Every structure is written in structure tokens, then in C-alpha cells.
Amino acid sequence: MTAGEDNQLISVHPNDLKFIFELEKPSFSHLKLVNNTEHDVAFKVKTTSPKKYFVRPNTGVVQPWDSCVIKVTLPAQREYPSDMQCKDKFLLQSTIVPPNTDVDDLPADTFNRESGKEIEECRLKVFYVSPSSAQGNSEDEGLKSSNEQSPDSNSTVQHLKDERDAAVRQTLQLQQELDFLKRRRQRGNDSGFSITFAAFVGLIGIMVGFLLNLSLSSPPME
């Protein structure tokens, strides 16, 4: 059974392994296995290059309707593969086992077809991706996600912009009033100074309170 077909026992996500390939740096790929049955299902991961990859866990038991994650590590490599192509393949075998079976108690012939058991197989291809390509795909997905914002999200953003513009207009108005009070102070006496001081304190309080409320209630905008 290939990765493109539907497995009856276990579903695999994604249906291939992609490694961001950089010299002298290890790379990782993760597979999520989902048990689609009401039975305990044992699995085993094999590869055509067992000395090249580390698979943890490479054998296990997934409880009914449960899932687990497999981490595949490609150790640091000293040279690039030809044309960044990889011919390595992985094989995932799965079979039903008795309830509450521990992985350490699996018989040696658990995944042996000659034992007469029904064993499913899922084949996974391996792809090497350059860091620049991986970054480009990430940016494309981010742009697509941004373009697919819901109407509610767009409405929220517009509302925040309107609040910001209103705050700017209010700040300008208060600044004009403060300038007017300053001019009165120059022509008046100490009472004018008291009025100016009170207005200045009020202005600062309004601005700080508004900005603090806006920062706490508004999500970050990029």
C-alpha cells in the first residue's frame, strides 16, 4: 500500500518525509500516526538506509482511536546529494494486536507475513529541501493565510484603525488646548500657571489611559 492510498488501520500524516538539508547540520521530520480502529495496533518503521537515519520510536503500539508521533532524524551530512534528490524510502507496517499489549511483549514474528497475520504496509518517499525553498514556502503560506482572513477579522482590523485615528485627532485637539493655556499663562499670573498645570496633568492621564487600554485590548498587528 502506498502513501496515496487510505490505510484501514493507521493513517499517516504527512504522507512523505521532508528534510531541510544543510551541510553539517542535522535535520528532522515528524510523522503522526492515527489509529483508525477500536483495536490496539502495532507498527514498525523500516527504511532502505537504516544506517543513515534515526527513527524514534521505530516500533510501538497505538491504542484505539489514539495517535503517536514518530521523529525521524537525518544526522549532519558532509556533502550535498546529487541534484538534491533522495532515493531513500520508508516502510510503515501495522497490524492488530491483543488489547493492552506492551511494545516490549510483541512477538518476534509480529510483522512477518508468513505468520498468517494481516499486515498493512504504507510506503513513504523522502525529499530534501533547501533552506531557501523552505523559507519561500513558509512565506507563501503566510501570505495565503493573510489573504484568506475572514470578514470578521478584517472588520476588527478596520475598527482598530478607526480607534487609532480617533486617538490621533483627540491628541491634536488636546495639544491645541494646551498651547492656548500656555499663551494665557504668559499673559496671566500664578492662577494661569495652576490652570496650565492641571490641564497638562489631565492630558497626560487621558493619553496614558487610552494607550494602555488600546494596547491591552488590541491584538498585535503585523
Protein backbone atom coordinates (compact mmCIF):
# COMPACT_ATOMS: atom_id res chain seq x y z
CA MET A 1 0.00 0.00 0.00
CA THR A 2 1.40 3.38 -0.98
CA ALA A 3 1.11 6.65 0.91
CA GLY A 4 -1.54 7.87 -1.51
CA GLU A 5 -3.97 5.12 -0.50
CA ASP A 6 -6.20 5.09 2.56
CA ASN A 7 -4.97 2.82 5.32
CA GLN A 8 -7.61 0.86 7.20
CA LEU A 9 -5.62 0.56 10.43
CA ILE A 10 -3.35 3.59 10.65
CA SER A 11 -3.34 6.95 8.89
CA VAL A 12 -0.01 8.70 8.35
CA HIS A 13 0.39 12.49 8.26
CA PRO A 14 2.10 13.78 6.21
CA ASN A 15 2.41 11.13 3.54
CA ASP A 16 6.12 11.76 2.92
CA LEU A 17 9.24 12.86 4.78
CA LYS A 18 10.80 16.25 4.06
CA PHE A 19 14.18 17.26 5.44
CA ILE A 20 15.61 20.78 5.28
CA PHE A 21 19.09 19.88 4.08
CA GLU A 22 22.05 21.91 5.31
CA LEU A 23 25.67 20.74 5.45
CA GLU A 24 26.99 19.91 8.91
CA LYS A 25 23.52 20.32 10.43
CA PRO A 26 21.07 17.59 11.47
CA SER A 27 17.54 17.74 10.13
CA PHE A 28 14.28 16.36 11.48
CA SER A 29 10.95 15.19 10.12
CA HIS A 30 7.89 14.09 12.07
CA LEU A 31 5.16 11.61 11.25
CA LYS A 32 1.83 11.46 13.07
CA LEU A 33 0.22 8.02 13.21
CA VAL A 34 -3.52 7.82 13.91
CA ASN A 35 -5.22 4.56 14.88
CA ASN A 36 -8.50 4.41 12.94
CA THR A 37 -9.85 1.33 14.73
CA GLU A 38 -11.20 0.12 18.06
CA HIS A 39 -8.25 -2.28 18.33
CA ASP A 40 -4.70 -1.94 19.57
CA VAL A 41 -2.47 -1.58 16.52
CA ALA A 42 1.26 -2.28 16.49
CA PHE A 43 3.54 -0.53 14.00
CA LYS A 44 7.10 -0.83 12.79
CA VAL A 45 9.11 1.60 10.65
CA LYS A 46 11.72 0.32 8.20
CA THR A 47 13.94 2.21 5.76
CA THR A 48 16.13 1.35 2.81
CA SER A 49 19.01 3.22 4.56
CA PRO A 50 18.89 2.09 8.21
CA LYS A 51 22.40 3.40 8.96
CA LYS A 52 21.54 6.86 7.66
CA TYR A 53 18.51 7.73 9.81
CA PHE A 54 17.46 7.56 13.44
CA VAL A 55 13.79 6.66 13.97
CA ARG A 56 12.25 7.11 17.43
CA PRO A 57 10.23 5.13 18.14
CA ASN A 58 10.68 2.68 15.29
CA THR A 59 8.25 0.21 16.89
CA GLY A 60 5.23 0.79 19.08
CA VAL A 61 1.58 0.15 19.88
CA VAL A 62 -1.15 2.75 19.34
CA GLN A 63 -4.27 2.50 21.49
CA PRO A 64 -7.75 2.54 19.87
CA TRP A 65 -8.56 5.92 18.26
CA ASP A 66 -5.30 7.29 19.67
CA SER A 67 -2.24 8.70 17.92
CA CYS A 68 1.51 8.99 18.32
CA VAL A 69 4.34 10.97 16.73
CA ILE A 70 7.47 9.48 15.21
CA LYS A 71 10.61 11.60 14.98
CA VAL A 72 12.99 10.82 12.12
CA THR A 73 16.45 12.35 12.31
CA LEU A 74 18.84 12.85 9.42
CA PRO A 75 22.29 13.35 11.02
CA ALA A 76 24.59 16.11 9.77
CA GLN A 77 25.89 15.37 6.28
CA ARG A 78 29.25 16.39 4.82
CA GLU A 79 28.21 16.75 1.19
CA TYR A 80 25.14 17.60 -0.84
CA PRO A 81 23.34 14.80 -2.70
CA SER A 82 23.28 14.98 -6.48
CA ASP A 83 20.62 17.48 -7.60
CA MET A 84 19.23 17.39 -4.03
CA GLN A 85 17.49 14.14 -4.96
CA CYS A 86 16.98 11.31 -2.49
CA LYS A 87 16.16 7.71 -3.36
CA ASP A 88 15.65 6.60 0.23
CA LYS A 89 12.26 5.19 1.17
CA PHE A 90 10.46 4.29 4.36
CA LEU A 91 8.02 1.47 5.01
CA LEU A 92 5.42 1.57 7.79
CA GLN A 93 3.94 -1.80 8.74
CA SER A 94 0.90 -2.12 11.01
CA THR A 95 -1.16 -4.98 12.40
CA ILE A 96 -3.80 -5.60 15.07
CA VAL A 97 -2.54 -6.99 18.39
CA PRO A 98 -4.37 -8.15 21.57
CA PRO A 99 -5.61 -5.44 23.95
CA ASN A 100 -3.12 -3.92 26.38
CA THR A 101 -0.15 -5.36 24.52
CA ASP A 102 3.12 -3.73 25.54
CA VAL A 103 5.66 -2.95 22.86
CA ASP A 104 8.28 -5.00 24.71
CA ASP A 105 5.97 -8.01 24.61
CA LEU A 106 5.49 -8.05 20.83
CA PRO A 107 6.45 -11.46 19.40
CA ALA A 108 9.39 -11.57 17.01
CA ASP A 109 7.10 -12.59 14.13
CA THR A 110 4.57 -9.79 14.70
CA PHE A 111 5.27 -8.21 11.31
CA ASN A 112 6.04 -11.43 9.46
CA ARG A 113 3.50 -12.19 6.75
CA GLU A 114 4.35 -15.87 6.92
CA SER A 115 2.77 -15.98 10.37
CA GLY A 116 -0.61 -15.61 8.69
CA LYS A 117 -1.38 -12.19 10.19
CA GLU A 118 -2.93 -9.39 8.18
CA ILE A 119 -0.29 -6.69 7.84
CA GLU A 120 -0.80 -3.31 6.22
CA GLU A 121 2.09 -1.50 4.59
CA CYS A 122 2.50 2.18 3.77
CA ARG A 123 5.45 3.39 1.70
CA LEU A 124 6.81 6.91 2.22
CA LYS A 125 9.18 8.82 -0.04
CA VAL A 126 11.96 11.11 1.18
CA PHE A 127 12.57 14.64 -0.11
CA TYR A 128 15.44 17.02 0.61
CA VAL A 129 14.55 20.72 0.66
CA SER A 130 17.00 23.63 0.58
CA PRO A 131 16.67 26.24 3.36
CA SER A 132 15.81 28.95 0.82
CA SER A 133 12.99 26.86 -0.67
CA ALA A 134 11.63 26.06 2.78
CA GLN A 135 11.62 29.76 3.70
CA GLY A 136 9.89 30.67 0.44
CA ASN A 137 7.16 28.10 1.04
CA SER A 138 6.66 29.40 4.56
CA GLU A 139 6.29 32.99 3.29
CA ASP A 140 3.83 31.88 0.59
CA GLU A 141 1.71 30.07 3.17
CA GLY A 142 1.77 33.13 5.42
CA LEU A 143 0.66 35.38 2.55
CA LYS A 144 -2.10 32.96 1.60
CA SER A 145 -3.29 32.84 5.18
CA SER A 146 -3.31 36.64 5.34
CA ASN A 147 -5.31 36.91 2.11
CA GLU A 148 -7.82 34.38 3.41
CA GLN A 149 -8.71 36.33 6.52
CA SER A 150 -12.37 36.10 7.46
CA PRO A 151 -14.69 39.14 7.16
CA ASP A 152 -14.84 39.32 10.96
CA SER A 153 -11.04 39.60 11.12
CA ASN A 154 -10.99 42.37 8.51
CA SER A 155 -13.75 44.20 10.38
CA THR A 156 -11.75 44.01 13.61
CA VAL A 157 -8.65 45.43 11.93
CA GLN A 158 -10.65 48.31 10.43
CA HIS A 159 -12.21 49.04 13.83
CA LEU A 160 -8.76 49.27 15.41
CA LYS A 161 -7.61 51.64 12.69
CA ASP A 162 -10.62 53.87 13.31
CA GLU A 163 -9.85 53.95 17.03
CA ARG A 164 -6.24 54.86 16.29
CA ASP A 165 -7.29 57.73 14.01
CA ALA A 166 -9.71 59.00 16.66
CA ALA A 167 -6.93 58.92 19.25
CA VAL A 168 -4.66 60.94 16.98
CA ARG A 169 -7.37 63.57 16.43
CA GLN A 170 -8.06 63.79 20.16
CA THR A 171 -4.37 64.17 20.93
CA LEU A 172 -4.04 67.01 18.41
CA GLN A 173 -7.07 68.76 19.90
CA LEU A 174 -5.68 68.48 23.42
CA GLN A 175 -2.32 69.77 22.20
CA GLN A 176 -4.01 72.83 20.74
CA GLU A 177 -5.82 73.46 24.02
CA LEU A 178 -2.55 73.11 25.93
CA ASP A 179 -0.86 75.62 23.62
CA PHE A 180 -3.74 78.04 24.26
CA LEU A 181 -3.33 77.68 28.03
CA LYS A 182 0.40 78.26 27.71
CA ARG A 183 -0.24 81.52 25.92
CA ARG A 184 -2.66 82.57 28.68
CA ARG A 185 -0.04 81.76 31.26
CA GLN A 186 2.41 84.09 29.60
CA ARG A 187 -0.14 86.90 29.84
CA GLY A 188 -1.60 85.95 33.22
CA ASN A 189 -0.38 85.28 36.76
CA ASP A 190 0.11 82.22 39.02
CA SER A 191 -3.53 81.20 38.70
CA GLY A 192 -2.90 80.75 34.99
CA PHE A 193 0.02 78.50 35.85
CA SER A 194 -2.26 76.37 38.05
CA ILE A 195 -4.76 76.00 35.25
CA THR A 196 -2.00 75.03 32.83
CA PHE A 197 -0.54 72.52 35.22
CA ALA A 198 -3.94 70.92 35.82
CA ALA A 199 -4.64 70.75 32.09
CA PHE A 200 -1.22 69.20 31.43
CA VAL A 201 -1.75 66.54 34.08
CA GLY A 202 -5.20 65.79 32.69
CA LEU A 203 -3.80 65.48 29.17
CA ILE A 204 -1.12 63.04 30.25
CA GLY A 205 -3.64 60.97 32.20
CA ILE A 206 -6.02 60.75 29.25
CA MET A 207 -3.29 59.79 26.77
CA VAL A 208 -1.68 57.19 29.01
CA GLY A 209 -5.03 55.65 29.95
CA PHE A 210 -6.19 55.47 26.36
CA LEU A 211 -2.96 53.97 25.02
CA LEU A 212 -2.79 51.46 27.85
CA ASN A 213 -6.38 50.38 27.23
CA LEU A 214 -5.75 50.10 23.50
CA SER A 215 -2.58 48.03 23.96
CA LEU A 216 -4.27 45.63 26.36
CA SER A 217 -7.42 45.13 24.28
CA SER A 218 -5.90 45.02 20.80
CA PRO A 219 -4.09 42.03 19.24
CA PRO A 220 -0.62 42.68 17.77
CA MET A 221 -0.74 43.90 14.18
CA GLU A 222 1.89 42.96 11.63
